[in-house]
C-alpha cells in the first residue's frame, strides 16, 4: 500500500509524508472525528504477509496502547486496511535523537535531562510489564516543546508473554 496526499485510510485523511524506511511509512493525517492531526504508520508488506508477525504486531500494539506515560509515544488506534496493518499515534513535532546528535553533542546538563526523561519512560514501560529491548538514538524523539518521547515501544518484550 502506497499512500498519497488526499487519500483516506479508514476515516483518516492523509496529509503529508513524514518518513519512510524499513519499518514502514509514516504520514501526517487528519482525524476528522476529533478534529486533530495524527501520525499514521503503515507497516511493511512482510508484516501483513506473515500471520505470526501480524498477530505479534497486533498484540504488542494493544499492550503498548495501554501505556500512559508522558515519555512514551501514545497510540490512539490500530487497524488494518487493504490487508496492511497500521498504527495511529500522537503527532510529534521535532526530530530523533540521532538527527540532533549529528548536529553536535549537547551540554552535559542537556544530556542528563534527556537521559532522565528516557529513564522515566523506561520505568513507565516496565510498570506496564514492558521491557524495551531496542533503545537507540532512533527510538528516542526530542519534541519541539523540549519533551522526550520513546517511540517504537512495540519492540519491547511484554513480560509474561514469552515474546
N, C-alpha and C. Protein backbone atom coordinates (compact mmCIF):
# COMPACT_ATOMS: atom_id res chain seq x y z
N UNK A 1 0.86 -1.18 0.00
CA UNK A 1 0.00 0.00 0.00
C UNK A 1 0.90 1.23 0.00
N UNK A 2 0.76 2.02 -0.99
CA UNK A 2 1.44 3.31 -1.01
C UNK A 2 0.37 4.37 -0.90
N UNK A 3 0.51 5.22 0.07
CA UNK A 3 -0.46 6.27 0.29
C UNK A 3 -0.07 7.50 -0.50
N UNK A 4 -1.00 8.41 -0.61
CA UNK A 4 -0.72 9.68 -1.26
C UNK A 4 -1.54 10.77 -0.59
N UNK A 5 -1.12 12.00 -0.75
CA UNK A 5 -1.84 13.11 -0.16
C UNK A 5 -3.28 13.11 -0.66
N UNK A 6 -4.21 13.34 0.29
CA UNK A 6 -5.63 13.39 -0.05
C UNK A 6 -6.33 12.04 0.02
N UNK A 7 -5.56 10.95 0.06
CA UNK A 7 -6.15 9.62 0.17
C UNK A 7 -6.73 9.45 1.58
N UNK A 8 -7.50 8.41 1.77
CA UNK A 8 -8.05 8.11 3.09
C UNK A 8 -7.61 6.72 3.52
N UNK A 9 -7.34 6.59 4.78
CA UNK A 9 -7.06 5.30 5.40
C UNK A 9 -8.05 5.21 6.53
N UNK A 10 -9.10 4.41 6.33
CA UNK A 10 -10.20 4.44 7.28
C UNK A 10 -10.80 5.83 7.25
N UNK A 11 -11.04 6.39 8.42
CA UNK A 11 -11.62 7.74 8.49
C UNK A 11 -10.57 8.85 8.39
N UNK A 12 -9.30 8.49 8.34
CA UNK A 12 -8.21 9.45 8.38
C UNK A 12 -7.86 9.97 6.98
N UNK A 13 -7.72 11.28 6.86
CA UNK A 13 -7.31 11.90 5.60
C UNK A 13 -5.79 12.06 5.63
N UNK A 14 -5.13 11.51 4.64
CA UNK A 14 -3.68 11.57 4.55
C UNK A 14 -3.27 12.96 4.09
N UNK A 15 -2.35 13.59 4.82
CA UNK A 15 -1.92 14.95 4.51
C UNK A 15 -0.54 14.99 3.86
N UNK A 16 0.50 14.57 4.59
CA UNK A 16 1.87 14.69 4.09
C UNK A 16 2.70 13.50 4.55
N UNK A 17 3.70 13.11 3.75
CA UNK A 17 4.63 12.07 4.22
C UNK A 17 5.56 12.66 5.29
N UNK A 18 5.87 11.85 6.29
CA UNK A 18 6.83 12.26 7.32
C UNK A 18 8.16 11.56 7.09
N UNK A 19 8.12 10.24 6.94
CA UNK A 19 9.34 9.49 6.66
C UNK A 19 8.97 8.08 6.20
N UNK A 20 9.94 7.42 5.60
CA UNK A 20 9.76 6.03 5.16
C UNK A 20 11.06 5.30 5.42
N UNK A 21 10.93 4.03 5.72
CA UNK A 21 12.12 3.22 5.97
C UNK A 21 11.74 1.76 6.07
N UNK A 22 12.65 0.98 6.61
CA UNK A 22 12.45 -0.45 6.71
C UNK A 22 11.28 -0.86 7.59
N UNK A 23 10.91 0.02 8.52
CA UNK A 23 9.80 -0.30 9.43
C UNK A 23 8.47 0.27 8.95
N UNK A 24 8.43 0.77 7.71
CA UNK A 24 7.18 1.25 7.15
C UNK A 24 7.21 2.72 6.79
N UNK A 25 6.03 3.22 6.44
CA UNK A 25 5.86 4.62 6.08
C UNK A 25 5.11 5.33 7.19
N UNK A 26 5.50 6.58 7.46
CA UNK A 26 4.79 7.39 8.46
C UNK A 26 4.25 8.63 7.74
N UNK A 27 2.96 8.92 7.99
CA UNK A 27 2.27 10.01 7.34
C UNK A 27 1.59 10.90 8.37
N UNK A 28 1.55 12.18 8.09
CA UNK A 28 0.73 13.13 8.85
C UNK A 28 -0.69 12.96 8.29
N UNK A 29 -1.66 12.88 9.19
CA UNK A 29 -3.04 12.69 8.76
C UNK A 29 -3.97 13.51 9.65
N UNK A 30 -5.19 13.66 9.19
CA UNK A 30 -6.20 14.39 9.95
C UNK A 30 -7.28 13.41 10.38
N UNK A 31 -7.62 13.47 11.65
CA UNK A 31 -8.71 12.67 12.21
C UNK A 31 -9.94 13.58 12.25
N UNK A 32 -10.86 13.43 11.30
CA UNK A 32 -12.00 14.35 11.24
C UNK A 32 -12.96 14.20 12.41
N UNK A 33 -13.02 13.02 13.00
CA UNK A 33 -13.96 12.83 14.11
C UNK A 33 -13.56 13.61 15.35
N UNK A 34 -12.26 13.81 15.55
CA UNK A 34 -11.79 14.56 16.72
C UNK A 34 -11.16 15.90 16.34
N UNK A 35 -11.06 16.18 15.04
CA UNK A 35 -10.52 17.45 14.59
C UNK A 35 -9.08 17.67 14.98
N UNK A 36 -8.25 16.65 14.86
CA UNK A 36 -6.84 16.79 15.22
C UNK A 36 -5.97 16.10 14.19
N UNK A 37 -4.71 16.49 14.17
CA UNK A 37 -3.74 15.82 13.33
C UNK A 37 -3.09 14.69 14.11
N UNK A 38 -2.79 13.61 13.41
CA UNK A 38 -2.18 12.42 14.00
C UNK A 38 -1.08 11.94 13.07
N UNK A 39 -0.33 10.97 13.52
CA UNK A 39 0.63 10.29 12.66
C UNK A 39 0.09 8.89 12.40
N UNK A 40 0.24 8.43 11.17
CA UNK A 40 -0.17 7.07 10.82
C UNK A 40 1.05 6.34 10.29
N UNK A 41 1.33 5.20 10.90
CA UNK A 41 2.44 4.37 10.45
C UNK A 41 1.86 3.13 9.79
N UNK A 42 2.14 2.96 8.50
CA UNK A 42 1.71 1.78 7.76
C UNK A 42 2.89 0.82 7.74
N UNK A 43 2.67 -0.38 8.23
CA UNK A 43 3.76 -1.33 8.35
C UNK A 43 4.09 -1.99 7.02
N UNK A 44 5.31 -2.52 6.90
CA UNK A 44 5.74 -3.13 5.64
C UNK A 44 4.91 -4.37 5.29
N UNK A 45 4.89 -4.70 4.00
CA UNK A 45 4.12 -5.83 3.50
C UNK A 45 4.50 -7.13 4.19
N UNK A 46 5.78 -7.30 4.54
CA UNK A 46 6.19 -8.57 5.16
C UNK A 46 5.52 -8.81 6.51
N UNK A 47 5.11 -7.75 7.20
CA UNK A 47 4.36 -7.92 8.45
C UNK A 47 2.97 -8.42 8.13
N UNK A 48 2.34 -7.85 7.11
CA UNK A 48 0.99 -8.23 6.72
C UNK A 48 0.94 -9.65 6.17
N UNK A 49 1.99 -10.06 5.48
CA UNK A 49 2.01 -11.36 4.82
C UNK A 49 2.28 -12.52 5.76
N UNK A 50 2.82 -12.26 6.93
CA UNK A 50 3.13 -13.31 7.89
C UNK A 50 2.09 -13.30 9.00
N UNK A 51 1.24 -14.33 9.07
CA UNK A 51 0.23 -14.37 10.13
C UNK A 51 0.85 -14.27 11.53
N UNK A 52 2.01 -14.87 11.73
CA UNK A 52 2.67 -14.83 13.03
C UNK A 52 3.13 -13.41 13.36
N UNK A 53 3.77 -12.74 12.41
CA UNK A 53 4.24 -11.36 12.65
C UNK A 53 3.09 -10.39 12.81
N UNK A 54 2.01 -10.62 12.04
CA UNK A 54 0.84 -9.75 12.14
C UNK A 54 0.18 -9.89 13.51
N UNK A 55 0.06 -11.13 13.98
CA UNK A 55 -0.53 -11.36 15.30
C UNK A 55 0.33 -10.75 16.39
N UNK A 56 1.64 -10.88 16.26
CA UNK A 56 2.55 -10.29 17.24
C UNK A 56 2.44 -8.76 17.22
N UNK A 57 2.39 -8.18 16.03
CA UNK A 57 2.22 -6.73 15.90
C UNK A 57 0.96 -6.27 16.61
N UNK A 58 -0.15 -6.96 16.36
CA UNK A 58 -1.42 -6.58 16.97
C UNK A 58 -1.38 -6.71 18.49
N UNK A 59 -0.77 -7.78 18.99
CA UNK A 59 -0.67 -8.00 20.44
C UNK A 59 0.18 -6.91 21.09
N UNK A 60 1.33 -6.62 20.48
CA UNK A 60 2.22 -5.60 21.03
C UNK A 60 1.60 -4.20 20.94
N UNK A 61 0.89 -3.93 19.85
CA UNK A 61 0.25 -2.62 19.70
C UNK A 61 -0.82 -2.42 20.77
N UNK A 62 -1.63 -3.44 21.02
CA UNK A 62 -2.66 -3.34 22.07
C UNK A 62 -2.01 -3.14 23.44
N UNK A 63 -0.98 -3.89 23.72
CA UNK A 63 -0.31 -3.76 25.01
C UNK A 63 0.33 -2.38 25.17
N UNK A 64 0.99 -1.91 24.12
CA UNK A 64 1.63 -0.60 24.18
C UNK A 64 0.59 0.51 24.29
N UNK A 65 -0.53 0.35 23.62
CA UNK A 65 -1.60 1.36 23.69
C UNK A 65 -2.12 1.51 25.12
N UNK A 66 -1.93 0.49 25.94
CA UNK A 66 -2.35 0.55 27.33
C UNK A 66 -1.41 1.35 28.22
N UNK A 67 -0.23 1.72 27.68
CA UNK A 67 0.71 2.52 28.46
C UNK A 67 0.29 3.98 28.40
N UNK A 68 0.39 4.66 29.52
CA UNK A 68 0.07 6.08 29.57
C UNK A 68 1.18 6.77 30.34
N UNK A 69 2.12 7.35 29.59
CA UNK A 69 3.27 7.98 30.22
C UNK A 69 3.72 9.15 29.36
N UNK A 70 4.08 10.27 29.96
CA UNK A 70 4.47 11.43 29.15
C UNK A 70 5.73 11.24 28.32
N UNK A 71 6.53 10.21 28.61
CA UNK A 71 7.76 9.98 27.85
C UNK A 71 7.65 8.78 26.91
N UNK A 72 6.42 8.34 26.63
CA UNK A 72 6.18 7.23 25.71
C UNK A 72 5.16 7.69 24.67
N UNK A 73 5.45 7.43 23.41
CA UNK A 73 4.54 7.78 22.33
C UNK A 73 3.17 7.16 22.58
N UNK A 74 2.12 7.96 22.43
CA UNK A 74 0.76 7.49 22.64
C UNK A 74 0.19 6.89 21.37
N UNK A 75 -0.32 5.66 21.47
CA UNK A 75 -1.01 5.02 20.36
C UNK A 75 -2.50 5.25 20.54
N UNK A 76 -3.13 5.82 19.51
CA UNK A 76 -4.57 6.08 19.57
C UNK A 76 -5.39 4.93 19.02
N UNK A 77 -4.85 4.26 18.00
CA UNK A 77 -5.65 3.25 17.32
C UNK A 77 -4.74 2.31 16.55
N UNK A 78 -5.20 1.10 16.34
CA UNK A 78 -4.52 0.14 15.47
C UNK A 78 -5.58 -0.38 14.51
N UNK A 79 -5.18 -0.58 13.27
CA UNK A 79 -6.16 -1.04 12.29
C UNK A 79 -5.51 -1.78 11.15
N UNK A 80 -6.37 -2.28 10.26
CA UNK A 80 -5.92 -2.96 9.06
C UNK A 80 -6.80 -2.48 7.92
N UNK A 81 -6.16 -2.07 6.85
CA UNK A 81 -6.90 -1.67 5.65
C UNK A 81 -6.17 -2.25 4.45
N UNK A 82 -6.93 -2.85 3.54
CA UNK A 82 -6.34 -3.49 2.36
C UNK A 82 -5.24 -4.47 2.77
N UNK A 83 -5.50 -5.20 3.84
CA UNK A 83 -4.58 -6.23 4.37
C UNK A 83 -3.27 -5.67 4.90
N UNK A 84 -3.19 -4.37 5.16
CA UNK A 84 -1.97 -3.79 5.71
C UNK A 84 -2.23 -3.21 7.08
N UNK A 85 -1.48 -3.65 8.09
CA UNK A 85 -1.65 -3.11 9.44
C UNK A 85 -1.11 -1.68 9.54
N UNK A 86 -1.78 -0.89 10.38
CA UNK A 86 -1.31 0.47 10.60
C UNK A 86 -1.58 0.88 12.04
N UNK A 87 -0.80 1.86 12.50
CA UNK A 87 -0.94 2.45 13.82
C UNK A 87 -1.29 3.92 13.67
N UNK A 88 -2.15 4.41 14.52
CA UNK A 88 -2.43 5.84 14.59
C UNK A 88 -1.90 6.31 15.93
N UNK A 89 -0.99 7.29 15.90
CA UNK A 89 -0.35 7.77 17.12
C UNK A 89 -0.48 9.28 17.22
N UNK A 90 -0.08 9.77 18.38
CA UNK A 90 0.03 11.22 18.51
C UNK A 90 1.04 11.71 17.49
N UNK A 91 0.85 12.91 17.02
CA UNK A 91 1.77 13.52 16.06
C UNK A 91 2.83 14.29 16.84
N UNK A 92 4.08 13.90 16.65
CA UNK A 92 5.18 14.57 17.33
C UNK A 92 5.85 15.55 16.39
N UNK A 93 6.13 16.72 16.89
CA UNK A 93 6.90 17.71 16.14
C UNK A 93 8.29 17.76 16.77
N UNK A 94 9.31 17.64 15.97
CA UNK A 94 10.67 17.64 16.47
C UNK A 94 11.51 16.72 15.62
N UNK A 95 12.49 16.03 16.24
CA UNK A 95 13.33 15.12 15.50
C UNK A 95 13.94 14.06 16.41
N UNK A 96 14.43 13.02 15.78
CA UNK A 96 15.02 11.93 16.56
C UNK A 96 16.30 12.39 17.22
N UNK A 97 16.65 11.72 18.29
CA UNK A 97 17.92 11.99 18.96
C UNK A 97 19.08 11.82 17.98
N UNK A 98 18.99 10.83 17.09
CA UNK A 98 20.05 10.59 16.11
C UNK A 98 20.30 11.85 15.27
N UNK A 99 19.22 12.48 14.79
CA UNK A 99 19.38 13.69 13.95
C UNK A 99 19.98 14.84 14.76
N UNK A 100 19.57 14.96 16.02
CA UNK A 100 20.11 16.02 16.87
C UNK A 100 21.60 15.79 17.11
N UNK A 101 22.00 14.56 17.36
CA UNK A 101 23.40 14.25 17.63
C UNK A 101 24.29 14.50 16.41
N UNK A 102 23.73 14.39 15.22
CA UNK A 102 24.51 14.68 14.00
C UNK A 102 24.92 16.15 13.95
N UNK A 103 24.19 17.00 14.66
CA UNK A 103 24.48 18.44 14.67
C UNK A 103 25.53 18.79 15.72
N UNK A 104 25.87 17.85 16.57
CA UNK A 104 26.87 18.09 17.61
C UNK A 104 26.38 17.57 18.95
N UNK A 105 27.31 17.45 19.86
CA UNK A 105 26.98 16.92 21.18
C UNK A 105 26.33 18.01 22.04
N UNK A 106 25.29 17.63 22.79
CA UNK A 106 24.65 18.60 23.69
C UNK A 106 25.50 18.80 24.95
N UNK A 107 25.10 19.77 25.75
CA UNK A 107 25.80 20.01 27.02
C UNK A 107 25.58 18.82 27.96
N UNK A 108 26.39 18.76 28.99
CA UNK A 108 26.24 17.70 29.99
C UNK A 108 24.88 17.80 30.66
N UNK A 109 24.44 19.01 30.95
CA UNK A 109 23.14 19.21 31.61
C UNK A 109 22.00 18.73 30.71
N UNK A 110 22.08 19.03 29.43
CA UNK A 110 21.04 18.59 28.50
C UNK A 110 21.06 17.08 28.36
N UNK A 111 22.24 16.51 28.27
CA UNK A 111 22.37 15.05 28.18
C UNK A 111 21.74 14.39 29.40
N UNK A 112 22.01 14.93 30.59
CA UNK A 112 21.43 14.38 31.82
C UNK A 112 19.91 14.52 31.82
N UNK A 113 19.43 15.66 31.35
CA UNK A 113 17.97 15.90 31.28
C UNK A 113 17.31 14.87 30.35
N UNK A 114 17.88 14.67 29.18
CA UNK A 114 17.33 13.70 28.23
C UNK A 114 17.42 12.27 28.78
N UNK A 115 18.57 11.95 29.39
CA UNK A 115 18.74 10.61 29.95
C UNK A 115 17.74 10.33 31.05
N UNK A 116 17.47 11.31 31.88
CA UNK A 116 16.48 11.15 32.95
C UNK A 116 15.09 10.93 32.37
N UNK A 117 14.74 11.68 31.33
CA UNK A 117 13.42 11.51 30.69
C UNK A 117 13.28 10.12 30.09
N UNK A 118 14.35 9.63 29.45
CA UNK A 118 14.32 8.27 28.89
C UNK A 118 14.17 7.25 30.02
N UNK A 119 14.90 7.45 31.11
CA UNK A 119 14.80 6.53 32.26
C UNK A 119 13.38 6.52 32.82
N UNK A 120 12.75 7.67 32.92
CA UNK A 120 11.36 7.73 33.39
C UNK A 120 10.44 6.97 32.43
N UNK A 121 10.65 7.15 31.14
CA UNK A 121 9.84 6.44 30.16
C UNK A 121 10.02 4.94 30.24
N UNK A 122 11.27 4.51 30.40
CA UNK A 122 11.53 3.07 30.53
C UNK A 122 10.92 2.51 31.81
N UNK A 123 10.97 3.29 32.89
CA UNK A 123 10.34 2.86 34.14
C UNK A 123 8.83 2.76 33.95
N UNK A 124 8.25 3.70 33.20
CA UNK A 124 6.81 3.64 32.92
C UNK A 124 6.46 2.43 32.08
N UNK A 125 7.29 2.11 31.11
CA UNK A 125 7.06 0.91 30.29
C UNK A 125 7.18 -0.33 31.16
N UNK A 126 8.18 -0.35 32.03
CA UNK A 126 8.38 -1.52 32.91
C UNK A 126 7.20 -1.69 33.86
N UNK A 127 6.66 -0.59 34.35
CA UNK A 127 5.48 -0.66 35.23
C UNK A 127 4.29 -1.25 34.47
N UNK A 128 4.28 -1.08 33.15
CA UNK A 128 3.23 -1.66 32.32
C UNK A 128 3.61 -3.02 31.77
N UNK A 129 4.58 -3.67 32.38
CA UNK A 129 5.05 -5.02 32.04
C UNK A 129 5.76 -5.08 30.69
N UNK A 130 6.42 -3.99 30.28
CA UNK A 130 7.21 -3.96 29.06
C UNK A 130 8.69 -3.78 29.43
N UNK A 131 9.55 -4.46 28.71
CA UNK A 131 10.99 -4.21 28.82
C UNK A 131 11.44 -3.86 27.41
N UNK A 132 11.81 -2.61 27.21
CA UNK A 132 12.22 -2.14 25.88
C UNK A 132 13.59 -2.72 25.58
N UNK A 133 13.72 -3.36 24.42
CA UNK A 133 14.96 -4.03 24.07
C UNK A 133 15.72 -3.36 22.94
N UNK A 134 15.32 -2.15 22.58
CA UNK A 134 15.99 -1.51 21.45
C UNK A 134 16.02 0.00 21.60
N UNK A 135 16.49 0.48 22.75
CA UNK A 135 16.60 1.92 22.95
C UNK A 135 17.85 2.39 22.22
N UNK A 136 17.65 3.21 21.21
CA UNK A 136 18.74 3.75 20.40
C UNK A 136 18.42 5.22 20.13
N UNK A 137 19.36 5.96 19.57
CA UNK A 137 19.04 7.34 19.21
C UNK A 137 17.88 7.46 18.20
N UNK A 138 17.59 6.37 17.47
CA UNK A 138 16.47 6.38 16.54
C UNK A 138 15.13 6.20 17.26
N UNK A 139 15.14 5.59 18.44
CA UNK A 139 13.89 5.33 19.15
C UNK A 139 13.62 6.33 20.27
N UNK A 140 14.44 7.38 20.31
CA UNK A 140 14.22 8.48 21.25
C UNK A 140 13.95 9.73 20.40
N UNK A 141 12.84 10.40 20.68
CA UNK A 141 12.41 11.55 19.90
C UNK A 141 12.40 12.78 20.79
N UNK A 142 12.99 13.85 20.30
CA UNK A 142 13.04 15.12 21.04
C UNK A 142 12.00 16.05 20.42
N UNK A 143 11.00 16.42 21.20
CA UNK A 143 9.92 17.23 20.66
C UNK A 143 10.29 18.71 20.63
N UNK A 144 9.58 19.45 19.81
CA UNK A 144 9.80 20.89 19.70
C UNK A 144 9.54 21.59 21.02
N UNK A 145 8.69 21.00 21.86
CA UNK A 145 8.35 21.59 23.16
C UNK A 145 9.33 21.13 24.25
N UNK A 146 10.52 20.65 23.86
CA UNK A 146 11.58 20.20 24.77
C UNK A 146 11.21 18.94 25.53
N UNK A 147 10.29 18.18 25.00
CA UNK A 147 9.94 16.91 25.62
C UNK A 147 10.76 15.78 25.02
N UNK A 148 10.76 14.66 25.69
CA UNK A 148 11.46 13.46 25.23
C UNK A 148 10.46 12.33 25.20
N UNK A 149 10.37 11.63 24.06
CA UNK A 149 9.43 10.52 23.90
C UNK A 149 10.18 9.29 23.41
N UNK A 150 9.87 8.16 23.99
CA UNK A 150 10.37 6.89 23.47
C UNK A 150 9.34 6.41 22.46
N UNK A 151 9.79 6.10 21.27
CA UNK A 151 8.92 5.58 20.22
C UNK A 151 9.32 4.14 19.95
N UNK A 152 8.53 3.44 19.21
CA UNK A 152 8.81 2.03 18.89
C UNK A 152 8.82 1.16 20.13
N UNK A 153 7.94 1.44 21.07
CA UNK A 153 7.87 0.60 22.27
C UNK A 153 7.37 -0.79 21.91
N UNK A 154 6.76 -0.94 20.73
CA UNK A 154 6.32 -2.25 20.26
C UNK A 154 7.46 -3.23 20.10
N UNK A 155 8.70 -2.73 20.08
CA UNK A 155 9.85 -3.62 20.01
C UNK A 155 10.17 -4.21 21.38
N UNK A 156 9.40 -3.83 22.36
CA UNK A 156 9.64 -4.29 23.73
C UNK A 156 9.19 -5.73 23.91
N UNK A 157 9.74 -6.35 24.90
CA UNK A 157 9.26 -7.66 25.32
C UNK A 157 8.15 -7.43 26.34
N UNK A 158 7.02 -8.06 26.09
CA UNK A 158 5.92 -7.96 27.04
C UNK A 158 6.12 -9.07 28.06
N UNK A 159 6.37 -8.69 29.29
CA UNK A 159 6.69 -9.68 30.31
C UNK A 159 5.55 -10.67 30.48
N UNK A 160 5.92 -11.93 30.56
CA UNK A 160 4.92 -12.97 30.75
C UNK A 160 4.30 -13.45 29.44
N UNK A 161 4.70 -12.83 28.29
CA UNK A 161 4.10 -13.23 27.01
C UNK A 161 4.94 -14.27 26.29
N UNK A 162 6.17 -14.45 26.74
CA UNK A 162 7.07 -15.35 26.05
C UNK A 162 7.62 -14.75 24.76
N UNK A 163 7.27 -13.47 24.44
CA UNK A 163 7.70 -12.89 23.17
C UNK A 163 8.64 -11.85 23.28
